[in-house]
Amino acid sequence: MADHVVYVLECADGSLYTGYTTDLERRVAEHDAGEGAKYTRGRTPVELRHRETFDSKSAAMSREYEIKQLSRTAKERLVGLE
């Protein structure tokens, strides 16, 4: 069962935020309410731009790290903003 999710949000200032969760709907709502990560608190509203599901936490965390290492251009390509 794929219940580990890596996601990319676009913040109100146009920046991109990558995170991991097991409950995507709840986590996006937390970010949008200013209760998510410190990075997104002052950058609401946020919009979900990309998600990938995984069967294990370790696979999801590895992918989250990979996405965070991408350049801005590569992230835009990944989420379809280009």
Protein backbone atom coordinates (compact mmCIF):
# COMPACT_ATOMS: atom_id res chain seq x y z
CA MET A 1 0.00 0.00 0.00
CA ALA A 2 1.51 3.32 -1.10
CA ASP A 3 0.89 5.56 1.87
CA HIS A 4 4.12 7.56 1.94
CA VAL A 5 3.93 10.74 -0.12
CA VAL A 6 6.51 13.24 -1.31
CA TYR A 7 4.93 16.50 -2.43
CA VAL A 8 5.88 19.86 -3.88
CA LEU A 9 3.95 23.01 -3.03
CA GLU A 10 4.06 26.35 -4.76
CA CYS A 11 3.96 29.12 -2.19
CA ALA A 12 2.30 32.52 -2.63
CA ASP A 13 5.70 34.11 -3.31
CA GLY A 14 6.34 31.66 -6.17
CA SER A 15 8.86 29.56 -4.26
CA LEU A 16 8.65 25.77 -4.18
CA TYR A 17 8.58 23.67 -1.01
CA THR A 18 9.17 19.91 -0.94
CA GLY A 19 7.99 17.70 1.92
CA TYR A 20 7.03 14.21 3.07
CA THR A 21 3.84 12.99 4.73
CA THR A 22 1.57 10.00 5.21
CA ASP A 23 -1.60 12.16 4.99
CA LEU A 24 -1.33 14.57 2.07
CA GLU A 25 -4.70 16.28 2.47
CA ARG A 26 -4.10 17.04 6.15
CA ARG A 27 -0.53 18.21 5.55
CA VAL A 28 -1.43 20.60 2.73
CA ALA A 29 -4.23 22.02 4.91
CA GLU A 30 -1.71 22.56 7.72
CA HIS A 31 0.65 24.40 5.38
CA ASP A 32 -2.22 26.50 4.04
CA ALA A 33 -3.34 27.41 7.56
CA GLY A 34 0.16 28.58 8.46
CA GLU A 35 0.67 25.60 10.78
CA GLY A 36 3.00 23.57 8.56
CA ALA A 37 6.74 23.95 8.17
CA LYS A 38 8.35 27.18 9.30
CA TYR A 39 9.29 27.89 5.66
CA THR A 40 5.68 27.95 4.46
CA ARG A 41 4.18 29.86 7.41
CA GLY A 42 4.74 33.30 5.91
CA ARG A 43 4.18 32.18 2.34
CA THR A 44 0.51 31.17 2.29
CA PRO A 45 -1.62 30.33 0.47
CA VAL A 46 0.11 27.27 -0.94
CA GLU A 47 -0.90 25.13 -3.90
CA LEU A 48 -0.10 21.47 -4.38
CA ARG A 49 1.86 21.12 -7.63
CA HIS A 50 3.26 17.59 -7.53
CA ARG A 51 2.97 14.31 -5.59
CA GLU A 52 4.66 10.93 -5.72
CA THR A 53 3.62 7.91 -3.65
CA PHE A 54 5.86 5.19 -2.24
CA ASP A 55 5.45 1.89 -0.42
CA SER A 56 8.13 2.67 2.16
CA LYS A 57 9.17 5.65 4.20
CA SER A 58 12.81 5.16 3.24
CA ALA A 59 12.03 5.30 -0.49
CA ALA A 60 9.95 8.44 0.00
CA MET A 61 12.62 10.14 2.11
CA SER A 62 15.26 9.32 -0.50
CA ARG A 63 13.11 10.85 -3.22
CA GLU A 64 12.41 13.93 -1.09
CA TYR A 65 16.16 14.43 -0.75
CA GLU A 66 16.65 14.01 -4.51
CA ILE A 67 14.00 16.61 -5.29
CA LYS A 68 15.46 19.06 -2.77
CA GLN A 69 18.84 18.77 -4.53
CA LEU A 70 17.38 19.75 -7.92
CA SER A 71 17.91 23.20 -9.37
CA ARG A 72 14.98 25.59 -9.51
CA THR A 73 14.66 24.96 -13.27
CA ALA A 74 14.60 21.18 -12.80
CA LYS A 75 11.96 21.50 -10.05
CA GLU A 76 9.83 23.69 -12.32
CA ARG A 77 10.13 21.06 -15.04
CA LEU A 78 9.15 18.32 -12.56
CA VAL A 79 6.00 20.12 -11.40
CA GLY A 80 5.01 21.43 -14.82
CA LEU A 81 5.57 25.15 -14.23
CA GLU A 82 7.94 25.51 -17.17
